[in-house]
């Protein structure tokens, strides 16, 4: 059936008016929020938009029915921003350390299945350093004996200039003693660091496996 042109025009206009009314209604639905705050004197201020007088105070955004939709805090001061940045930096560092500890724990548990495994690894790690320390102590003992012999020989020249050969022997001996003592200090430091590392690993292993049933 053919619709008269005039009726079609009025129909289109009616749809346009209805659409405009719906759009206006939809736009108003999200508007009408109320902002409230108390100024420095304690006076309550209400507005339909954020309140300039309370730019540095807490504000509340409420619905038409008075329901609090959100709180709007004042902007941070320079000191507060610095503290917030420091707190966030520490939080990120703590989180990174936590993740790293979890990684180390996984490696620890995948490397050792028992405390005996850790002690065995400690002994293997210490082996070469203990051998080097024992060898240095042995050489030092020999050098100390040579030092005593040189001292006895030098005593026979008391009040006189020592022969060049004896003086050279004394100097070489004292230099060798200093080198061995340095070596002993270094090797002992290596041993202490290895023991400390394995002590930490053993303690952590015990903590991680304390609730795991032991094989009978």
N, C-alpha and C. Protein backbone atom coordinates (compact mmCIF):
# COMPACT_ATOMS: atom_id res chain seq x y z
N UNK A 1 0.85 -1.19 0.00
CA UNK A 1 0.00 0.00 0.00
C UNK A 1 0.88 1.24 0.00
N UNK A 2 0.52 2.22 -0.81
CA UNK A 2 1.33 3.44 -0.90
C UNK A 2 0.98 4.41 0.22
N UNK A 3 2.02 4.87 0.97
CA UNK A 3 1.82 5.82 2.07
C UNK A 3 1.85 7.22 1.52
N UNK A 4 0.86 8.07 1.84
CA UNK A 4 0.88 9.45 1.34
C UNK A 4 2.14 10.18 1.78
N UNK A 5 2.61 11.06 0.89
CA UNK A 5 3.87 11.75 1.15
C UNK A 5 3.82 12.55 2.44
N UNK A 6 2.68 13.21 2.69
CA UNK A 6 2.56 14.03 3.90
C UNK A 6 2.63 13.20 5.15
N UNK A 7 2.00 12.04 5.13
CA UNK A 7 2.05 11.17 6.31
C UNK A 7 3.46 10.67 6.56
N UNK A 8 4.17 10.37 5.48
CA UNK A 8 5.56 9.90 5.62
C UNK A 8 6.42 10.98 6.23
N UNK A 9 6.22 12.25 5.81
CA UNK A 9 7.01 13.36 6.34
C UNK A 9 6.78 13.53 7.82
N UNK A 10 5.48 13.51 8.24
CA UNK A 10 5.19 13.64 9.66
C UNK A 10 5.76 12.49 10.46
N UNK A 11 5.80 11.31 9.87
CA UNK A 11 6.37 10.13 10.57
C UNK A 11 7.86 10.32 10.81
N UNK A 12 8.55 10.82 9.77
CA UNK A 12 9.99 11.06 9.91
C UNK A 12 10.26 12.13 10.95
N UNK A 13 9.47 13.23 10.91
CA UNK A 13 9.66 14.29 11.90
C UNK A 13 9.40 13.78 13.31
N UNK A 14 8.38 12.92 13.43
CA UNK A 14 8.08 12.36 14.75
C UNK A 14 9.22 11.52 15.29
N UNK A 15 9.82 10.73 14.43
CA UNK A 15 10.97 9.92 14.86
C UNK A 15 12.14 10.79 15.27
N UNK A 16 12.34 11.88 14.52
CA UNK A 16 13.44 12.79 14.85
C UNK A 16 13.24 13.44 16.18
N UNK A 17 12.00 13.89 16.44
CA UNK A 17 11.72 14.52 17.73
C UNK A 17 11.89 13.54 18.87
N UNK A 18 11.38 12.32 18.66
CA UNK A 18 11.51 11.29 19.70
C UNK A 18 12.98 10.97 19.96
N UNK A 19 13.77 10.86 18.87
CA UNK A 19 15.20 10.56 19.04
C UNK A 19 15.90 11.66 19.78
N UNK A 20 15.55 12.91 19.48
CA UNK A 20 16.17 14.05 20.17
C UNK A 20 15.84 14.03 21.64
N UNK A 21 14.57 13.70 21.94
CA UNK A 21 14.16 13.65 23.36
C UNK A 21 14.90 12.55 24.09
N UNK A 22 15.09 11.40 23.44
CA UNK A 22 15.81 10.28 24.07
C UNK A 22 17.27 10.64 24.30
N UNK A 23 17.85 11.32 23.31
CA UNK A 23 19.27 11.71 23.47
C UNK A 23 19.43 12.68 24.60
N UNK A 24 18.48 13.65 24.71
CA UNK A 24 18.56 14.62 25.80
C UNK A 24 18.38 13.95 27.14
N UNK A 25 17.46 12.99 27.18
CA UNK A 25 17.23 12.25 28.42
C UNK A 25 18.45 11.44 28.81
N UNK A 26 19.09 10.79 27.78
CA UNK A 26 20.29 9.99 28.05
C UNK A 26 21.42 10.87 28.54
N UNK A 27 21.55 12.06 27.95
CA UNK A 27 22.63 12.96 28.37
C UNK A 27 22.43 13.44 29.77
N UNK A 28 21.18 13.71 30.15
CA UNK A 28 20.92 14.19 31.50
C UNK A 28 21.10 13.10 32.54
N UNK A 29 21.01 11.82 32.11
CA UNK A 29 21.11 10.72 33.07
C UNK A 29 22.48 10.68 33.72
N UNK A 30 23.52 11.06 32.96
CA UNK A 30 24.86 11.03 33.54
C UNK A 30 25.24 12.32 34.21
N UNK A 31 24.35 13.33 34.11
CA UNK A 31 24.64 14.62 34.73
C UNK A 31 23.91 14.73 36.06
N UNK A 32 24.00 15.92 36.65
CA UNK A 32 23.28 16.16 37.89
C UNK A 32 23.98 15.68 39.13
N UNK A 33 25.25 15.31 39.04
CA UNK A 33 25.98 14.93 40.24
C UNK A 33 26.24 16.15 41.10
N UNK A 34 26.36 15.93 42.38
CA UNK A 34 26.53 17.01 43.34
C UNK A 34 27.90 16.88 44.00
N UNK A 35 28.61 18.00 44.13
CA UNK A 35 29.92 18.02 44.77
C UNK A 35 29.78 18.76 46.10
N UNK A 36 30.31 18.18 47.15
CA UNK A 36 30.22 18.81 48.47
C UNK A 36 31.59 18.79 49.15
N UNK A 37 31.80 19.76 50.00
CA UNK A 37 33.02 19.81 50.81
C UNK A 37 32.82 20.82 51.92
N UNK A 38 33.74 20.82 52.86
CA UNK A 38 33.76 21.84 53.91
C UNK A 38 34.97 22.71 53.69
N UNK A 39 34.75 24.02 53.73
CA UNK A 39 35.89 24.92 53.54
C UNK A 39 36.67 25.04 54.84
N UNK A 40 37.67 25.91 54.84
CA UNK A 40 38.57 26.03 55.99
C UNK A 40 37.83 26.42 57.27
N UNK A 41 36.71 27.11 57.13
CA UNK A 41 35.94 27.52 58.32
C UNK A 41 34.92 26.47 58.74
N UNK A 42 34.86 25.36 58.01
CA UNK A 42 33.90 24.32 58.35
C UNK A 42 32.57 24.47 57.69
N UNK A 43 32.41 25.46 56.80
CA UNK A 43 31.14 25.69 56.11
C UNK A 43 30.97 24.68 54.99
N UNK A 44 29.81 24.03 54.92
CA UNK A 44 29.54 23.06 53.88
C UNK A 44 29.21 23.80 52.58
N UNK A 45 29.89 23.40 51.51
CA UNK A 45 29.66 23.99 50.20
C UNK A 45 29.15 22.90 49.27
N UNK A 46 28.15 23.22 48.48
CA UNK A 46 27.57 22.29 47.52
C UNK A 46 27.56 22.93 46.15
N UNK A 47 27.88 22.14 45.13
CA UNK A 47 27.91 22.66 43.77
C UNK A 47 27.64 21.52 42.80
N UNK A 48 27.29 21.90 41.56
CA UNK A 48 27.08 20.87 40.53
C UNK A 48 28.36 20.59 39.74
N UNK A 49 29.48 21.11 40.21
CA UNK A 49 30.78 20.84 39.59
C UNK A 49 31.86 20.94 40.67
N UNK A 50 33.06 20.40 40.43
CA UNK A 50 34.12 20.47 41.44
C UNK A 50 34.29 21.89 41.97
N UNK A 51 34.53 21.99 43.26
CA UNK A 51 34.47 23.27 43.96
C UNK A 51 35.87 23.88 44.08
N UNK A 52 36.13 25.02 43.44
CA UNK A 52 37.47 25.63 43.49
C UNK A 52 37.92 25.96 44.90
N UNK A 53 36.97 26.38 45.78
CA UNK A 53 37.34 26.75 47.15
C UNK A 53 37.90 25.55 47.93
N UNK A 54 37.61 24.35 47.45
CA UNK A 54 38.08 23.14 48.15
C UNK A 54 39.13 22.41 47.33
N UNK A 55 39.86 23.15 46.51
CA UNK A 55 40.88 22.52 45.66
C UNK A 55 41.93 21.80 46.49
N UNK A 56 42.16 22.29 47.70
CA UNK A 56 43.17 21.67 48.57
C UNK A 56 42.53 20.92 49.74
N UNK A 57 41.26 20.52 49.57
CA UNK A 57 40.56 19.79 50.62
C UNK A 57 39.83 18.60 49.99
N UNK A 58 39.41 17.67 50.82
CA UNK A 58 38.64 16.53 50.32
C UNK A 58 37.27 16.99 49.84
N UNK A 59 36.87 16.43 48.70
CA UNK A 59 35.53 16.68 48.18
C UNK A 59 34.84 15.33 47.97
N UNK A 60 33.51 15.37 47.97
CA UNK A 60 32.72 14.18 47.69
C UNK A 60 31.84 14.44 46.48
N UNK A 61 31.80 13.44 45.60
CA UNK A 61 30.89 13.50 44.46
C UNK A 61 29.72 12.56 44.78
N UNK A 62 28.50 13.12 44.76
CA UNK A 62 27.31 12.36 45.14
C UNK A 62 26.33 12.31 43.98
N UNK A 63 25.50 11.27 43.99
CA UNK A 63 24.42 11.19 43.02
C UNK A 63 23.29 12.11 43.46
N UNK A 64 22.25 12.23 42.60
CA UNK A 64 21.11 13.06 42.96
C UNK A 64 20.45 12.56 44.24
N UNK A 65 20.51 11.25 44.45
CA UNK A 65 19.91 10.68 45.66
C UNK A 65 20.78 10.81 46.89
N UNK A 66 21.96 11.41 46.76
CA UNK A 66 22.83 11.62 47.92
C UNK A 66 23.82 10.50 48.17
N UNK A 67 23.88 9.52 47.29
CA UNK A 67 24.83 8.42 47.46
C UNK A 67 26.23 8.89 47.07
N UNK A 68 27.20 8.61 47.93
CA UNK A 68 28.59 9.00 47.64
C UNK A 68 29.12 8.12 46.51
N UNK A 69 29.48 8.74 45.41
CA UNK A 69 30.03 8.01 44.27
C UNK A 69 31.55 7.88 44.36
N UNK A 70 32.18 8.90 44.85
CA UNK A 70 33.64 8.86 45.01
C UNK A 70 34.09 10.02 45.87
N UNK A 71 35.28 9.85 46.43
CA UNK A 71 35.92 10.94 47.17
C UNK A 71 37.05 11.49 46.32
N UNK A 72 37.15 12.79 46.28
CA UNK A 72 38.18 13.45 45.49
C UNK A 72 39.20 14.05 46.46
N UNK A 73 40.37 13.43 46.60
CA UNK A 73 41.36 13.97 47.54
C UNK A 73 42.04 15.20 46.97
N UNK A 74 42.63 16.02 47.82
CA UNK A 74 43.37 17.19 47.32
C UNK A 74 44.66 16.73 46.65
N UNK A 75 45.23 17.56 45.77
CA UNK A 75 46.50 17.18 45.14
C UNK A 75 47.60 17.05 46.18
N UNK A 76 48.54 16.16 45.90
CA UNK A 76 49.65 15.94 46.83
C UNK A 76 50.59 17.13 46.87
N UNK A 77 51.15 17.38 48.03
CA UNK A 77 52.21 18.38 48.14
C UNK A 77 53.50 17.81 47.59
N UNK A 78 54.50 18.66 47.42
CA UNK A 78 55.79 18.20 46.91
C UNK A 78 56.38 17.12 47.82
N UNK A 79 56.27 17.34 49.14
CA UNK A 79 56.80 16.36 50.09
C UNK A 79 56.03 15.05 50.00
N UNK A 80 54.70 15.13 49.83
CA UNK A 80 53.89 13.92 49.73
C UNK A 80 54.20 13.17 48.43
N UNK A 81 54.40 13.91 47.35
CA UNK A 81 54.76 13.25 46.09
C UNK A 81 56.10 12.54 46.21
N UNK A 82 57.06 13.21 46.85
CA UNK A 82 58.38 12.59 47.04
C UNK A 82 58.27 11.32 47.88
N UNK A 83 57.45 11.37 48.93
CA UNK A 83 57.27 10.20 49.78
C UNK A 83 56.56 9.08 49.02
N UNK A 84 55.55 9.46 48.22
CA UNK A 84 54.83 8.46 47.43
C UNK A 84 55.77 7.79 46.43
N UNK A 85 56.64 8.58 45.81
CA UNK A 85 57.60 8.02 44.86
C UNK A 85 58.59 7.10 45.57
N UNK A 86 59.03 7.51 46.76
CA UNK A 86 59.96 6.67 47.53
C UNK A 86 59.28 5.37 47.95
N UNK A 87 58.01 5.46 48.37
CA UNK A 87 57.28 4.26 48.76
C UNK A 87 57.10 3.32 47.57
N UNK A 88 56.80 3.89 46.40
CA UNK A 88 56.62 3.05 45.22
C UNK A 88 57.93 2.40 44.79
N UNK A 89 59.02 3.16 44.90
CA UNK A 89 60.34 2.61 44.57
C UNK A 89 60.68 1.45 45.49
N UNK A 90 60.40 1.61 46.79
CA UNK A 90 60.67 0.53 47.74
C UNK A 90 59.77 -0.67 47.46
N UNK A 91 58.50 -0.40 47.10
CA UNK A 91 57.58 -1.50 46.80
C UNK A 91 58.09 -2.32 45.61
N UNK A 92 58.56 -1.61 44.57
CA UNK A 92 59.08 -2.32 43.40
C UNK A 92 60.34 -3.10 43.75
N UNK A 93 61.20 -2.51 44.58
CA UNK A 93 62.43 -3.21 44.98
C UNK A 93 62.09 -4.45 45.81
N UNK A 94 61.12 -4.31 46.72
CA UNK A 94 60.71 -5.46 47.54
C UNK A 94 60.12 -6.57 46.67
N UNK A 95 59.34 -6.17 45.68
CA UNK A 95 58.72 -7.16 44.79
C UNK A 95 59.79 -7.87 43.96
N UNK A 96 60.78 -7.10 43.48
CA UNK A 96 61.87 -7.70 42.71
C UNK A 96 62.67 -8.67 43.57
N UNK A 97 62.93 -8.29 44.82
CA UNK A 97 63.66 -9.17 45.74
C UNK A 97 62.86 -10.43 46.03
N UNK A 98 61.55 -10.29 46.17
CA UNK A 98 60.70 -11.45 46.41
C UNK A 98 60.76 -12.43 45.24
N UNK A 99 60.69 -11.89 44.03
CA UNK A 99 60.76 -12.74 42.83
C UNK A 99 62.13 -13.40 42.72
N UNK A 100 63.18 -12.64 43.06
CA UNK A 100 64.53 -13.21 43.00
C UNK A 100 64.70 -14.32 44.04
N UNK A 101 64.13 -14.12 45.23
CA UNK A 101 64.21 -15.15 46.26
C UNK A 101 63.47 -16.41 45.82
N UNK A 102 62.34 -16.24 45.18
CA UNK A 102 61.59 -17.39 44.67
C UNK A 102 62.41 -18.14 43.63
N UNK A 103 63.11 -17.39 42.78
CA UNK A 103 63.97 -18.03 41.77
C UNK A 103 65.10 -18.81 42.44
N UNK A 104 65.74 -18.19 43.45
CA UNK A 104 66.83 -18.88 44.15
C UNK A 104 66.32 -20.13 44.86
N UNK A 105 65.11 -20.05 45.42
CA UNK A 105 64.54 -21.22 46.09
C UNK A 105 64.32 -22.36 45.11
N UNK A 106 63.82 -22.04 43.93
CA UNK A 106 63.60 -23.09 42.92
C UNK A 106 64.92 -23.74 42.53
N UNK A 107 65.95 -22.93 42.35
CA UNK A 107 67.27 -23.47 42.00
C UNK A 107 67.80 -24.35 43.13
N UNK A 108 67.64 -23.88 44.37
CA UNK A 108 68.13 -24.63 45.53
C UNK A 108 67.47 -26.01 45.60
N UNK A 109 66.15 -26.04 45.46
CA UNK A 109 65.42 -27.31 45.59
C UNK A 109 65.66 -28.22 44.40
N UNK A 110 65.98 -27.64 43.25
CA UNK A 110 66.27 -28.49 42.10
C UNK A 110 67.71 -28.99 42.12
N UNK A 111 68.57 -28.34 42.90
CA UNK A 111 69.99 -28.74 42.97
C UNK A 111 70.24 -29.78 44.05
N UNK A 112 69.58 -29.64 45.20
CA UNK A 112 69.81 -30.54 46.33
C UNK A 112 68.52 -31.25 46.73
N UNK A 113 68.67 -32.51 47.05
CA UNK A 113 67.51 -33.29 47.51
C UNK A 113 67.59 -33.60 49.00
N UNK A 114 68.73 -33.27 49.62
CA UNK A 114 68.89 -33.55 51.05
C UNK A 114 69.98 -32.66 51.63
N UNK A 115 70.05 -32.62 52.96
CA UNK A 115 71.11 -31.86 53.61
C UNK A 115 72.48 -32.47 53.32
N UNK A 116 72.50 -33.80 53.16
CA UNK A 116 73.76 -34.47 52.85
C UNK A 116 74.31 -34.02 51.50
N UNK A 117 73.41 -33.76 50.56
CA UNK A 117 73.85 -33.25 49.25
C UNK A 117 74.56 -31.90 49.41
N UNK A 118 74.02 -31.07 50.27
CA UNK A 118 74.61 -29.74 50.48
C UNK A 118 75.98 -29.86 51.14
N UNK A 119 76.08 -30.72 52.14
CA UNK A 119 77.38 -30.91 52.81
C UNK A 119 78.41 -31.49 51.85
N UNK A 120 77.96 -32.40 50.98
CA UNK A 120 78.89 -32.96 49.99
C UNK A 120 79.38 -31.89 49.03
N UNK A 121 78.47 -31.02 48.58
CA UNK A 121 78.86 -29.94 47.68
C UNK A 121 79.80 -28.96 48.39
N UNK A 122 79.56 -28.72 49.68
CA UNK A 122 80.46 -27.85 50.45
C UNK A 122 81.87 -28.43 50.48
N UNK A 123 81.96 -29.71 50.78
CA UNK A 123 83.29 -30.35 50.87
C UNK A 123 84.02 -30.29 49.53
N UNK A 124 83.28 -30.49 48.44
CA UNK A 124 83.92 -30.44 47.12
C UNK A 124 84.40 -29.02 46.81
N UNK A 125 83.59 -28.04 47.17
CA UNK A 125 83.97 -26.65 46.90
C UNK A 125 85.17 -26.23 47.74
N UNK A 126 85.27 -26.76 48.95
CA UNK A 126 86.36 -26.40 49.85
C UNK A 126 87.66 -27.12 49.52
N UNK A 127 87.57 -28.25 48.84
CA UNK A 127 88.73 -29.11 48.65
C UNK A 127 89.98 -28.41 48.17
N UNK A 128 89.92 -27.75 47.02
CA UNK A 128 91.11 -27.11 46.44
C UNK A 128 91.63 -25.99 47.33
N UNK A 129 90.73 -25.24 47.94
CA UNK A 129 91.17 -24.12 48.78
C UNK A 129 91.84 -24.62 50.06
N UNK A 130 91.31 -25.71 50.62
CA UNK A 130 91.96 -26.28 51.81
C UNK A 130 93.34 -26.83 51.46
N UNK A 131 93.44 -27.46 50.29
CA UNK A 131 94.74 -27.98 49.85
C UNK A 131 95.73 -26.83 49.67
N UNK A 132 95.25 -25.74 49.06
CA UNK A 132 96.13 -24.59 48.84
C UNK A 132 96.54 -23.97 50.18
N UNK A 133 95.61 -23.92 51.13
CA UNK A 133 95.92 -23.37 52.44
C UNK A 133 96.94 -24.24 53.17
N UNK A 134 96.75 -25.54 53.12
CA UNK A 134 97.70 -26.45 53.77
C UNK A 134 99.09 -26.32 53.16
N UNK A 135 99.14 -26.20 51.81
CA UNK A 135 100.43 -26.07 51.14
C UNK A 135 101.11 -24.77 51.54
N UNK A 136 100.35 -23.67 51.62
CA UNK A 136 100.93 -22.39 52.01
C UNK A 136 101.44 -22.43 53.45
N UNK A 137 100.68 -23.07 54.34
CA UNK A 137 101.13 -23.19 55.73
C UNK A 137 102.40 -24.03 55.82
N UNK A 138 102.49 -25.05 54.96
CA UNK A 138 103.71 -25.87 54.94
C UNK A 138 104.91 -25.07 54.47
N UNK A 139 104.72 -24.28 53.42
CA UNK A 139 105.83 -23.46 52.93
C UNK A 139 106.22 -22.41 53.96
N UNK A 140 105.23 -21.85 54.64
CA UNK A 140 105.52 -20.85 55.65
C UNK A 140 106.33 -21.43 56.80
N UNK A 141 106.00 -22.65 57.17
CA UNK A 141 106.75 -23.30 58.25
C UNK A 141 108.22 -23.46 57.85
N UNK A 142 108.46 -23.86 56.61
CA UNK A 142 109.84 -23.99 56.15
C UNK A 142 110.55 -22.65 56.09
N UNK A 143 109.84 -21.63 55.64
CA UNK A 143 110.44 -20.29 55.57
C UNK A 143 110.75 -19.75 56.96
N UNK A 144 109.90 -20.07 57.94
CA UNK A 144 110.16 -19.62 59.31
C UNK A 144 111.42 -20.30 59.86
N UNK A 145 111.60 -21.55 59.51
CA UNK A 145 112.82 -22.24 59.94
C UNK A 145 114.05 -21.58 59.30
N UNK A 146 113.91 -21.26 58.00
CA UNK A 146 115.02 -20.58 57.31
C UNK A 146 115.27 -19.21 57.92
N UNK A 147 114.20 -18.53 58.33
CA UNK A 147 114.34 -17.22 58.96
C UNK A 147 115.12 -17.34 60.26
N UNK A 148 114.80 -18.37 61.04
CA UNK A 148 115.51 -18.57 62.31
C UNK A 148 116.98 -18.86 62.06
N UNK A 149 117.28 -19.67 61.03
CA UNK A 149 118.67 -19.99 60.71
C UNK A 149 119.43 -18.73 60.27
N UNK A 150 118.75 -17.90 59.49
CA UNK A 150 119.39 -16.64 59.05
C UNK A 150 119.68 -15.73 60.23
N UNK A 151 118.75 -15.71 61.18
CA UNK A 151 118.93 -14.86 62.36
C UNK A 151 120.12 -15.34 63.17
N UNK A 152 120.26 -16.67 63.28
CA UNK A 152 121.41 -17.20 64.04
C UNK A 152 122.72 -16.85 63.32
N UNK A 153 122.70 -16.97 61.99
CA UNK A 153 123.92 -16.64 61.25
C UNK A 153 124.24 -15.16 61.36
N UNK A 154 123.22 -14.33 61.29
CA UNK A 154 123.44 -12.88 61.38
C UNK A 154 123.96 -12.50 62.75
N UNK A 155 123.59 -13.28 63.78
CA UNK A 155 124.05 -12.99 65.14
C UNK A 155 125.57 -13.07 65.23
N UNK A 156 126.17 -13.89 64.39
CA UNK A 156 127.64 -14.04 64.45
C UNK A 156 128.35 -12.80 63.91
N UNK A 157 127.59 -11.95 63.23
CA UNK A 157 128.16 -10.72 62.68
C UNK A 157 127.71 -9.51 63.48
N UNK A 158 127.35 -9.73 64.74
CA UNK A 158 126.84 -8.66 65.58
C UNK A 158 127.85 -7.53 65.64
N UNK A 159 127.40 -6.31 65.36
CA UNK A 159 128.28 -5.16 65.39
C UNK A 159 129.04 -4.97 64.10
N UNK A 160 128.84 -5.86 63.13
CA UNK A 160 129.54 -5.77 61.86
C UNK A 160 128.52 -5.71 60.71
N UNK A 161 129.01 -5.29 59.57
CA UNK A 161 128.16 -5.27 58.37
C UNK A 161 127.97 -6.70 57.88
N UNK A 162 126.71 -7.05 57.61
CA UNK A 162 126.44 -8.41 57.13
C UNK A 162 126.99 -8.59 55.72
N UNK A 163 127.49 -9.78 55.44
CA UNK A 163 127.91 -10.06 54.06
C UNK A 163 126.74 -9.86 53.09
N UNK A 164 127.04 -9.42 51.90
CA UNK A 164 125.98 -9.13 50.91
C UNK A 164 125.14 -10.37 50.62
N UNK A 165 125.79 -11.53 50.56
CA UNK A 165 125.05 -12.76 50.24
C UNK A 165 124.07 -13.10 51.35
N UNK A 166 124.49 -12.92 52.61
CA UNK A 166 123.60 -13.21 53.74
C UNK A 166 122.46 -12.20 53.78
N UNK A 167 122.76 -10.93 53.53
CA UNK A 167 121.71 -9.92 53.54
C UNK A 167 120.66 -10.20 52.45
N UNK A 168 121.18 -10.62 51.27
CA UNK A 168 120.26 -10.94 50.18
C UNK A 168 119.39 -12.14 50.55
N UNK A 169 119.99 -13.12 51.22
CA UNK A 169 119.22 -14.30 51.63
C UNK A 169 118.16 -13.92 52.66
N UNK A 170 118.50 -13.04 53.58
CA UNK A 170 117.54 -12.59 54.59
C UNK A 170 116.38 -11.83 53.92
N UNK A 171 116.70 -10.94 52.96
CA UNK A 171 115.67 -10.16 52.28
C UNK A 171 114.72 -11.05 51.49
N UNK A 172 115.29 -12.02 50.77
CA UNK A 172 114.45 -12.93 49.98
C UNK A 172 113.54 -13.76 50.89
N UNK A 173 114.09 -14.18 52.03
CA UNK A 173 113.30 -14.98 52.96
C UNK A 173 112.14 -14.17 53.53
N UNK A 174 112.41 -12.94 53.92
CA UNK A 174 111.35 -12.10 54.48
C UNK A 174 110.28 -11.78 53.44
N UNK A 175 110.69 -11.58 52.18
CA UNK A 175 109.73 -11.32 51.11
C UNK A 175 108.85 -12.55 50.87
N UNK A 176 109.50 -13.74 50.90
CA UNK A 176 108.75 -14.98 50.69
C UNK A 176 107.76 -15.22 51.83
N UNK A 177 108.16 -14.91 53.05
CA UNK A 177 107.27 -15.06 54.20
C UNK A 177 106.05 -14.15 54.04
N UNK A 178 106.28 -12.90 53.62
CA UNK A 178 105.17 -11.96 53.43
C UNK A 178 104.21 -12.46 52.35
N UNK A 179 104.76 -13.02 51.27
CA UNK A 179 103.91 -13.54 50.19
C UNK A 179 103.07 -14.72 50.67
N UNK A 180 103.67 -15.63 51.43
CA UNK A 180 102.93 -16.79 51.92
C UNK A 180 101.84 -16.37 52.90
N UNK A 181 102.14 -15.39 53.75
CA UNK A 181 101.13 -14.92 54.69
C UNK A 181 99.96 -14.28 53.95
N UNK A 182 100.27 -13.58 52.85
CA UNK A 182 99.21 -12.99 52.03
C UNK A 182 98.36 -14.10 51.38
N UNK A 183 99.04 -15.13 50.90
CA UNK A 183 98.33 -16.26 50.29
C UNK A 183 97.43 -16.95 51.31
N UNK A 184 97.95 -17.14 52.51
CA UNK A 184 97.17 -17.79 53.57
C UNK A 184 95.92 -16.97 53.90
N UNK A 185 96.09 -15.65 53.99
CA UNK A 185 94.93 -14.78 54.27
C UNK A 185 93.88 -14.89 53.17
N UNK A 186 94.34 -14.91 51.91
CA UNK A 186 93.40 -15.00 50.78
C UNK A 186 92.66 -16.34 50.78
N UNK A 187 93.40 -17.43 50.98
CA UNK A 187 92.77 -18.75 50.94
C UNK A 187 91.81 -18.93 52.12
N UNK A 188 92.17 -18.38 53.28
CA UNK A 188 91.27 -18.48 54.43
C UNK A 188 90.00 -17.68 54.16
N UNK A 189 90.16 -16.53 53.50
CA UNK A 189 88.99 -15.74 53.14
C UNK A 189 88.08 -16.49 52.18
N UNK A 190 88.70 -17.20 51.21
CA UNK A 190 87.90 -18.01 50.28
C UNK A 190 87.12 -19.08 51.03
N UNK A 191 87.78 -19.74 51.95
CA UNK A 191 87.13 -20.80 52.73
C UNK A 191 85.98 -20.25 53.56
N UNK A 192 86.20 -19.10 54.18
CA UNK A 192 85.14 -18.48 55.00
C UNK A 192 83.93 -18.13 54.14
N UNK A 193 84.17 -17.58 52.94
CA UNK A 193 83.06 -17.20 52.06
C UNK A 193 82.29 -18.43 51.59
N UNK A 194 82.99 -19.50 51.27
CA UNK A 194 82.32 -20.73 50.83
C UNK A 194 81.47 -21.30 51.96
N UNK A 195 82.03 -21.34 53.16
CA UNK A 195 81.27 -21.85 54.30
C UNK A 195 80.04 -20.99 54.58
N UNK A 196 80.21 -19.68 54.47
CA UNK A 196 79.08 -18.78 54.70
C UNK A 196 77.98 -19.03 53.67
N UNK A 197 78.37 -19.20 52.40
CA UNK A 197 77.38 -19.44 51.34
C UNK A 197 76.62 -20.73 51.59
N UNK A 198 77.33 -21.79 51.94
CA UNK A 198 76.67 -23.08 52.16
C UNK A 198 75.87 -23.07 53.47
N UNK A 199 76.31 -22.29 54.45
CA UNK A 199 75.51 -22.16 55.67
C UNK A 199 74.15 -21.54 55.36
N UNK A 200 74.17 -20.50 54.51
CA UNK A 200 72.92 -19.85 54.12
C UNK A 200 72.04 -20.81 53.33
N UNK A 201 72.63 -21.55 52.39
CA UNK A 201 71.85 -22.49 51.59
C UNK A 201 71.28 -23.61 52.44
N UNK A 202 72.07 -24.10 53.39
CA UNK A 202 71.59 -25.15 54.27
C UNK A 202 70.44 -24.67 55.13
N UNK A 203 70.58 -23.46 55.68
CA UNK A 203 69.51 -22.90 56.51
C UNK A 203 68.23 -22.70 55.70
N UNK A 204 68.36 -22.18 54.48
CA UNK A 204 67.18 -21.96 53.64
C UNK A 204 66.56 -23.30 53.22
N UNK A 205 67.39 -24.28 52.92
CA UNK A 205 66.88 -25.60 52.54
C UNK A 205 66.07 -26.20 53.68
N UNK A 206 66.58 -26.07 54.90
CA UNK A 206 65.84 -26.60 56.05
C UNK A 206 64.51 -25.87 56.22
N UNK A 207 64.51 -24.57 55.97
CA UNK A 207 63.27 -23.81 56.11
C UNK A 207 62.24 -24.23 55.07
N UNK A 208 62.70 -24.46 53.83
CA UNK A 208 61.79 -24.82 52.75
C UNK A 208 61.26 -26.24 52.87
N UNK A 209 62.01 -27.10 53.53
CA UNK A 209 61.62 -28.52 53.59
C UNK A 209 61.19 -28.96 54.98
N UNK A 210 60.99 -28.01 55.89
CA UNK A 210 60.69 -28.39 57.28
C UNK A 210 59.37 -29.14 57.40
N UNK A 211 58.43 -28.87 56.48
CA UNK A 211 57.12 -29.54 56.56
C UNK A 211 57.00 -30.72 55.61
N UNK A 212 58.11 -31.01 54.91
CA UNK A 212 58.09 -32.14 53.98
C UNK A 212 58.40 -33.42 54.75
N UNK A 213 57.55 -34.45 54.64
CA UNK A 213 57.82 -35.71 55.37
C UNK A 213 59.16 -36.31 54.97
N UNK A 214 59.90 -36.74 55.98
CA UNK A 214 61.21 -37.36 55.73
C UNK A 214 61.03 -38.84 55.41
N UNK A 215 61.84 -39.30 54.45
CA UNK A 215 61.79 -40.72 54.12
C UNK A 215 62.31 -41.55 55.29
N UNK A 216 61.58 -42.63 55.59
CA UNK A 216 62.03 -43.49 56.69
C UNK A 216 62.98 -44.58 56.18
